[in-house]
N, C-alpha and C. Protein backbone atom coordinates (compact mmCIF):
# COMPACT_ATOMS: atom_id res chain seq x y z
N MET A 1 108.41 254.57 162.08
CA MET A 1 108.25 253.34 161.27
C MET A 1 107.00 253.41 160.46
N SER A 2 107.00 252.66 159.42
CA SER A 2 105.84 252.69 158.55
C SER A 2 105.23 251.38 158.30
N SER A 3 104.16 251.25 157.73
CA SER A 3 103.49 249.96 157.35
C SER A 3 104.14 249.46 155.97
N HIS A 4 104.30 248.16 155.98
CA HIS A 4 104.78 247.62 154.74
C HIS A 4 103.48 246.91 154.09
N PRO A 5 103.31 247.09 152.79
CA PRO A 5 102.11 246.57 152.16
C PRO A 5 101.87 245.12 152.33
N LEU A 6 102.89 244.33 152.48
CA LEU A 6 102.76 242.84 152.62
C LEU A 6 102.31 242.56 154.05
N LEU A 7 102.72 243.33 155.04
CA LEU A 7 102.36 243.04 156.37
C LEU A 7 100.91 243.37 156.73
N LYS A 8 100.40 244.37 156.11
CA LYS A 8 99.07 244.90 156.29
C LYS A 8 98.79 245.31 157.77
N ILE A 9 99.88 245.74 158.47
CA ILE A 9 99.85 246.28 159.79
C ILE A 9 100.78 247.47 159.88
N ASP A 10 100.53 248.30 160.73
CA ASP A 10 101.49 249.46 161.05
C ASP A 10 102.39 249.00 162.15
N ILE A 11 103.56 248.60 161.79
CA ILE A 11 104.49 248.04 162.79
C ILE A 11 104.85 248.97 163.91
N SER A 12 104.63 250.32 163.74
CA SER A 12 104.85 251.19 164.88
C SER A 12 103.77 251.06 165.93
N GLN A 13 102.78 250.36 165.69
CA GLN A 13 101.71 250.08 166.67
C GLN A 13 102.05 248.88 167.55
N LEU A 14 103.12 248.15 167.13
CA LEU A 14 103.54 247.01 167.90
C LEU A 14 104.42 247.47 169.04
N SER A 15 104.41 246.61 170.17
CA SER A 15 105.35 247.01 171.21
C SER A 15 106.79 246.63 170.82
N ILE A 16 107.67 247.21 171.52
CA ILE A 16 109.07 246.83 171.25
C ILE A 16 109.32 245.38 171.25
N ALA A 17 108.88 244.72 172.24
CA ALA A 17 109.04 243.25 172.30
C ALA A 17 108.48 242.57 171.06
N GLU A 18 107.28 243.02 170.66
CA GLU A 18 106.67 242.39 169.43
C GLU A 18 107.49 242.72 168.20
N ARG A 19 108.04 243.90 168.10
CA ARG A 19 108.89 244.14 166.90
C ARG A 19 110.18 243.40 166.89
N ILE A 20 110.77 243.19 168.06
CA ILE A 20 111.94 242.35 168.16
C ILE A 20 111.63 240.92 167.81
N GLN A 21 110.43 240.44 168.26
CA GLN A 21 110.05 239.05 167.83
C GLN A 21 109.79 238.93 166.38
N LEU A 22 109.20 239.98 165.78
CA LEU A 22 109.05 240.02 164.33
C LEU A 22 110.33 240.02 163.57
N ALA A 23 111.29 240.77 164.05
CA ALA A 23 112.64 240.81 163.43
C ALA A 23 113.29 239.40 163.49
N GLU A 24 113.18 238.77 164.72
CA GLU A 24 113.73 237.37 164.89
C GLU A 24 113.03 236.43 163.97
N ASP A 25 111.80 236.49 163.90
CA ASP A 25 111.01 235.57 163.05
C ASP A 25 111.44 235.76 161.59
N LEU A 26 111.56 237.02 161.17
CA LEU A 26 111.96 237.30 159.82
C LEU A 26 113.38 236.71 159.50
N TRP A 27 114.33 236.99 160.49
CA TRP A 27 115.70 236.45 160.28
C TRP A 27 115.66 234.96 160.22
N ASP A 28 114.89 234.29 161.13
CA ASP A 28 114.78 232.86 161.12
C ASP A 28 114.31 232.31 159.77
N SER A 29 113.35 232.98 159.14
CA SER A 29 112.83 232.58 157.91
C SER A 29 113.81 232.62 156.85
N ILE A 30 114.81 233.58 156.92
CA ILE A 30 115.86 233.73 155.96
C ILE A 30 116.91 232.65 156.22
N LEU A 31 117.21 232.41 157.41
CA LEU A 31 118.30 231.30 157.72
C LEU A 31 117.71 229.91 157.31
N GLU A 32 116.39 229.74 157.29
CA GLU A 32 115.93 228.42 156.86
C GLU A 32 116.18 228.14 155.34
N GLN A 33 116.43 229.26 154.56
CA GLN A 33 116.67 229.13 153.22
C GLN A 33 118.02 229.72 152.84
N GLN A 34 119.00 229.68 153.83
CA GLN A 34 120.27 230.30 153.49
C GLN A 34 121.05 229.66 152.34
N ASP A 35 120.77 228.44 152.06
CA ASP A 35 121.39 227.81 150.90
C ASP A 35 120.99 228.55 149.58
N LYS A 36 119.98 229.33 149.57
CA LYS A 36 119.54 229.97 148.37
C LYS A 36 120.06 231.39 148.22
N LEU A 37 120.93 231.82 149.31
CA LEU A 37 121.49 233.16 149.26
C LEU A 37 122.76 233.11 148.37
N PRO A 38 122.76 233.89 147.24
CA PRO A 38 123.94 233.70 146.43
C PRO A 38 125.07 234.47 147.06
N LEU A 39 126.32 233.94 146.84
CA LEU A 39 127.56 234.60 147.22
C LEU A 39 128.15 235.26 145.97
N THR A 40 128.85 236.37 146.27
CA THR A 40 129.45 237.02 145.20
C THR A 40 130.79 236.29 144.86
N PRO A 41 131.36 236.52 143.69
CA PRO A 41 132.67 235.91 143.38
C PRO A 41 133.75 236.28 144.42
N THR A 42 133.68 237.53 144.90
CA THR A 42 134.70 237.95 145.87
C THR A 42 134.50 237.19 147.20
N GLN A 43 133.23 236.98 147.58
CA GLN A 43 133.02 236.25 148.87
C GLN A 43 133.51 234.72 148.65
N ILE A 44 133.21 234.18 147.56
CA ILE A 44 133.64 232.70 147.27
C ILE A 44 135.16 232.73 147.34
N GLN A 45 135.84 233.64 146.66
CA GLN A 45 137.32 233.65 146.64
C GLN A 45 137.85 233.75 148.11
N GLU A 46 137.27 234.64 148.86
CA GLU A 46 137.76 234.74 150.27
C GLU A 46 137.52 233.54 151.10
N LEU A 47 136.35 232.91 150.94
CA LEU A 47 136.13 231.65 151.62
C LEU A 47 137.11 230.56 151.27
N ASP A 48 137.32 230.47 149.85
CA ASP A 48 138.33 229.50 149.42
C ASP A 48 139.76 229.77 149.94
N ARG A 49 140.13 231.03 150.11
CA ARG A 49 141.39 231.41 150.66
C ARG A 49 141.51 230.99 152.05
N ARG A 50 140.47 231.33 152.86
CA ARG A 50 140.47 230.97 154.29
C ARG A 50 140.55 229.43 154.46
N LEU A 51 139.76 228.66 153.65
CA LEU A 51 139.80 227.27 153.77
C LEU A 51 141.19 226.65 153.44
N GLU A 52 141.80 227.18 152.43
CA GLU A 52 143.08 226.75 152.04
C GLU A 52 144.10 227.00 153.16
N ASN A 53 144.02 228.18 153.75
CA ASN A 53 144.89 228.52 154.87
C ASN A 53 144.68 227.55 155.99
N TYR A 54 143.45 227.30 156.29
CA TYR A 54 143.10 226.36 157.45
C TYR A 54 143.63 224.99 157.10
N GLN A 55 143.50 224.48 155.90
CA GLN A 55 143.90 223.14 155.60
C GLN A 55 145.39 223.09 155.61
N LYS A 56 146.10 224.13 155.28
CA LYS A 56 147.61 224.00 155.34
C LYS A 56 148.06 224.13 156.83
N ASN A 57 147.45 224.77 157.69
CA ASN A 57 147.89 224.92 159.06
C ASN A 57 146.64 225.11 159.99
N PRO A 58 146.01 223.96 160.39
CA PRO A 58 144.69 223.98 161.12
C PRO A 58 144.85 224.61 162.50
N THR A 59 146.08 224.70 163.04
CA THR A 59 146.31 225.19 164.45
C THR A 59 146.65 226.71 164.46
N SER A 60 146.77 227.32 163.29
CA SER A 60 147.23 228.65 163.26
C SER A 60 146.21 229.75 163.61
N GLY A 61 144.99 229.42 163.55
CA GLY A 61 143.85 230.28 163.82
C GLY A 61 143.49 230.34 165.28
N SER A 62 142.48 231.09 165.66
CA SER A 62 141.91 231.08 166.96
C SER A 62 140.44 230.92 166.92
N SER A 63 139.93 230.42 168.04
CA SER A 63 138.49 230.10 168.05
C SER A 63 137.67 231.42 167.99
N TRP A 64 136.46 231.26 167.64
CA TRP A 64 135.54 232.46 167.68
C TRP A 64 135.42 232.99 169.00
N LYS A 65 135.31 232.11 170.05
CA LYS A 65 135.24 232.60 171.43
C LYS A 65 136.50 233.43 171.91
N LYS A 66 137.63 232.91 171.55
CA LYS A 66 138.85 233.63 171.85
C LYS A 66 138.92 235.04 171.17
N SER A 67 138.53 235.04 169.85
CA SER A 67 138.57 236.32 169.15
C SER A 67 137.57 237.33 169.74
N LYS A 68 136.43 236.96 170.21
CA LYS A 68 135.47 237.91 170.80
C LYS A 68 136.00 238.41 172.10
N ASN A 69 136.76 237.62 172.86
CA ASN A 69 137.17 238.09 174.18
C ASN A 69 138.54 238.86 174.06
N ALA A 70 139.13 238.98 172.97
CA ALA A 70 140.45 239.58 172.87
C ALA A 70 140.27 241.15 172.82
């Protein structure tokens, strides 16, 4: 691993737990501003397609929990 100029630290000097925490903190900071993440036209089209399918038949899908355990 290398140092990033914005961090001003060598992340390879951090413990694994500290690097995991840093990654979590970075991800959380992105999630706080997720409304600013642009979607591509293809992503928008796919989301619209899925929403339309759900609205036509809301019982046809499966829950996220069921999908993970399948």
